Amino acid sequence: MRFRTSPSSPSPACSPGRRPGRGHQRAKVAKAGQPARDGKFEFTVKSTKCGVAKVGTDLLGAKAQGQFCLVTVNVKNIGKEAQMFDGSSQKAYAADGTEYSADGEAALYANKNAETFLNEINPGNQVTAVVVFDIPKKVTLAKLELHDSPFSGGVAVALG
C-alpha cells in the first residue's frame, strides 16, 4: 500500500469541521520508508537526522538557530513530463501541529549537487535529496508534508 486516507487527519487545505469537497481533501498518510505519492512524484523518506548544529564546511556553511533536522528523501518522477522538485515546498510538523518550513540556504550546503533547489526530474528518473529544517532544540518532528509543487495537496509521512 502506497498511502492510506485517514478520516481523522484533515489536510491543511481542509480545516477542522469542514467536509472534504472541491479544493478540500483528506490527508494521505504514509510511514517513513514507504513510498508516498503526491501528483507526479513518489517520495520515500530514507532517514531523518536531528540535532545537527551546522551544515557545510568550515569556510562555507550554515549554522542552525536551534537544530537542523536533515531529512533524506528519494524523489521519483512517476508522471509523463518533467517536473520541478523544490525543497522549499516541503513542510515538517511537531506533534503539537507547529509547522516548520524547509531551510533552503542550509539545504544548498547539505546537498552536494543542489538536489533540492529547483531540480527538474524527467519521467522515470529519481534523485536523493536532503531537505533541511531548522527547528528549536527541544522539538521533535512528528511528520512531514511532501509536495510535488507549491500548490499541491501534499502527502503526509509519519516519522518515528
Protein backbone atom coordinates (compact mmCIF):
# COMPACT_ATOMS: atom_id res chain seq x y z
CA MET A 1 0.00 0.00 0.00
CA ARG A 2 1.49 3.34 -1.02
CA PHE A 3 -0.62 5.51 1.30
CA ARG A 4 -3.92 5.49 3.05
CA THR A 5 -6.62 8.03 3.54
CA SER A 6 -7.00 8.99 7.17
CA PRO A 7 -10.51 10.20 8.03
CA SER A 8 -9.28 11.77 11.26
CA SER A 9 -6.42 13.77 9.70
CA PRO A 10 -7.61 16.62 7.50
CA SER A 11 -5.03 18.15 5.21
CA PRO A 12 -4.02 21.76 5.79
CA ALA A 13 -6.23 22.62 2.82
CA CYS A 14 -9.26 21.37 4.76
CA SER A 15 -9.71 22.95 8.15
CA PRO A 16 -11.30 21.00 11.02
CA GLY A 17 -15.06 20.96 10.91
CA ARG A 18 -15.17 21.34 7.12
CA ARG A 19 -16.06 18.43 4.95
CA PRO A 20 -13.82 17.47 2.05
CA GLY A 21 -15.07 18.70 -1.24
CA ARG A 22 -13.84 20.92 -4.01
CA GLY A 23 -10.37 22.14 -3.01
CA HIS A 24 -10.51 20.18 0.26
CA GLN A 25 -9.18 16.69 0.67
CA ARG A 26 -8.22 14.29 3.42
CA ALA A 27 -4.51 13.91 4.13
CA LYS A 28 -2.82 10.84 2.73
CA VAL A 29 -0.56 9.27 5.36
CA ALA A 30 2.47 7.01 4.87
CA LYS A 31 5.29 5.92 7.14
CA ALA A 32 8.98 6.69 6.69
CA GLY A 33 10.46 4.09 4.33
CA GLN A 34 7.18 3.61 2.44
CA PRO A 35 6.56 5.16 -0.99
CA ALA A 36 4.07 8.05 -0.81
CA ARG A 37 2.67 9.85 -3.84
CA ASP A 38 1.68 13.45 -4.47
CA GLY A 39 0.96 14.44 -8.05
CA LYS A 40 3.80 13.41 -10.34
CA PHE A 41 6.21 12.48 -7.55
CA GLU A 42 6.69 9.37 -5.46
CA PHE A 43 8.55 10.18 -2.24
CA THR A 44 10.34 7.74 0.03
CA VAL A 45 11.79 9.12 3.26
CA LYS A 46 15.06 7.26 3.78
CA SER A 47 16.27 8.80 7.05
CA THR A 48 15.93 11.69 9.48
CA LYS A 49 18.84 13.07 11.50
CA CYS A 50 18.16 15.85 14.01
CA GLY A 51 20.44 17.62 16.45
CA VAL A 52 22.80 18.90 13.76
CA ALA A 53 24.32 22.30 14.65
CA LYS A 54 25.93 23.16 11.29
CA VAL A 55 25.94 22.00 7.66
CA GLY A 56 28.61 22.64 5.08
CA THR A 57 32.32 23.22 5.66
CA ASP A 58 34.27 25.46 8.00
CA LEU A 59 34.56 28.05 5.21
CA LEU A 60 31.08 27.76 3.69
CA GLY A 61 28.10 26.62 5.66
CA ALA A 62 25.03 27.45 7.68
CA LYS A 63 24.58 27.39 11.45
CA ALA A 64 21.25 26.35 12.96
CA GLN A 65 19.24 28.82 15.05
CA GLY A 66 18.11 25.78 17.04
CA GLN A 67 18.93 22.41 15.50
CA PHE A 68 18.92 21.19 11.92
CA CYS A 69 16.89 18.13 11.02
CA LEU A 70 18.26 16.56 7.85
CA VAL A 71 15.63 14.52 6.03
CA THR A 72 16.96 12.29 3.26
CA VAL A 73 14.24 11.61 0.72
CA ASN A 74 14.15 9.81 -2.60
CA VAL A 75 12.03 11.66 -5.18
CA LYS A 76 10.91 9.78 -8.30
CA ASN A 77 9.00 11.32 -11.21
CA ILE A 78 6.10 8.95 -11.92
CA GLY A 79 4.49 11.30 -14.44
CA LYS A 80 4.77 11.63 -18.22
CA GLU A 81 6.53 15.02 -18.24
CA ALA A 82 9.49 16.61 -16.49
CA GLN A 83 8.58 18.03 -13.09
CA MET A 84 10.46 20.54 -10.93
CA PHE A 85 11.35 19.43 -7.39
CA ASP A 86 11.63 22.34 -4.97
CA GLY A 87 12.78 21.60 -1.44
CA SER A 88 11.21 24.84 -0.19
CA SER A 89 7.74 23.40 -0.89
CA GLN A 90 8.22 20.75 1.81
CA LYS A 91 6.91 21.14 5.38
CA ALA A 92 7.61 19.49 8.73
CA TYR A 93 5.36 19.33 11.79
CA ALA A 94 5.91 18.83 15.51
CA ALA A 95 3.49 16.65 17.50
CA ASP A 96 1.57 19.78 18.61
CA GLY A 97 0.93 20.75 14.96
CA THR A 98 3.54 23.54 14.73
CA GLU A 99 4.61 23.87 11.09
CA TYR A 100 8.25 24.33 10.06
CA SER A 101 9.44 25.43 6.62
CA ALA A 102 12.44 23.97 4.86
CA ASP A 103 15.69 25.94 5.11
CA GLY A 104 16.78 26.48 1.50
CA GLU A 105 20.15 28.01 2.34
CA ALA A 106 21.12 25.13 4.64
CA ALA A 107 19.93 22.63 2.01
CA LEU A 108 22.40 24.10 -0.51
CA TYR A 109 25.22 23.17 1.89
CA ALA A 110 23.75 19.78 2.85
CA ASN A 111 23.37 18.65 -0.79
CA LYS A 112 26.47 18.24 -2.92
CA ASN A 113 24.61 18.69 -6.22
CA ALA A 114 21.82 21.13 -5.24
CA GLU A 115 19.18 18.36 -5.44
CA THR A 116 16.59 20.41 -3.53
CA PHE A 117 16.94 23.69 -5.41
CA LEU A 118 14.57 23.74 -8.40
CA ASN A 119 15.75 20.38 -9.70
CA GLU A 120 13.95 19.25 -12.87
CA ILE A 121 13.39 15.48 -12.84
CA ASN A 122 12.49 13.71 -16.07
CA PRO A 123 9.86 10.94 -16.16
CA GLY A 124 11.14 7.70 -14.65
CA ASN A 125 14.18 9.40 -13.12
CA GLN A 126 14.80 9.93 -9.43
CA VAL A 127 17.06 11.90 -7.13
CA THR A 128 18.00 11.53 -3.49
CA ALA A 129 17.92 14.87 -1.71
CA VAL A 130 18.42 16.19 1.81
CA VAL A 131 15.68 18.59 2.92
CA VAL A 132 16.77 20.66 5.92
CA PHE A 133 14.56 22.06 8.67
CA ASP A 134 15.80 24.46 11.38
CA ILE A 135 13.70 23.74 14.48
CA PRO A 136 14.02 24.58 18.20
CA LYS A 137 16.46 22.34 20.13
CA LYS A 138 13.78 20.69 22.28
CA VAL A 139 11.34 19.96 19.42
CA THR A 140 10.90 16.55 17.82
CA LEU A 141 9.40 16.25 14.35
CA ALA A 142 6.32 14.02 14.10
CA LYS A 143 5.52 14.18 10.39
CA LEU A 144 6.44 15.66 7.04
CA GLU A 145 4.19 17.01 4.33
CA LEU A 146 5.76 16.43 0.93
CA HIS A 147 4.61 18.24 -2.22
CA ASP A 148 5.19 17.87 -5.94
CA SER A 149 4.56 21.61 -6.29
CA PRO A 150 3.85 24.59 -4.02
CA PHE A 151 0.11 24.27 -4.76
CA SER A 152 -0.42 20.52 -4.44
CA GLY A 153 -2.34 18.91 -1.58
CA GLY A 154 0.75 17.08 -0.37
CA VAL A 155 1.19 13.71 1.24
CA ALA A 156 1.83 13.24 4.94
CA VAL A 157 4.65 10.96 6.10
CA ALA A 158 4.72 9.96 9.77
CA LEU A 159 8.15 9.92 11.41
CA GLY A 160 9.18 7.54 14.19
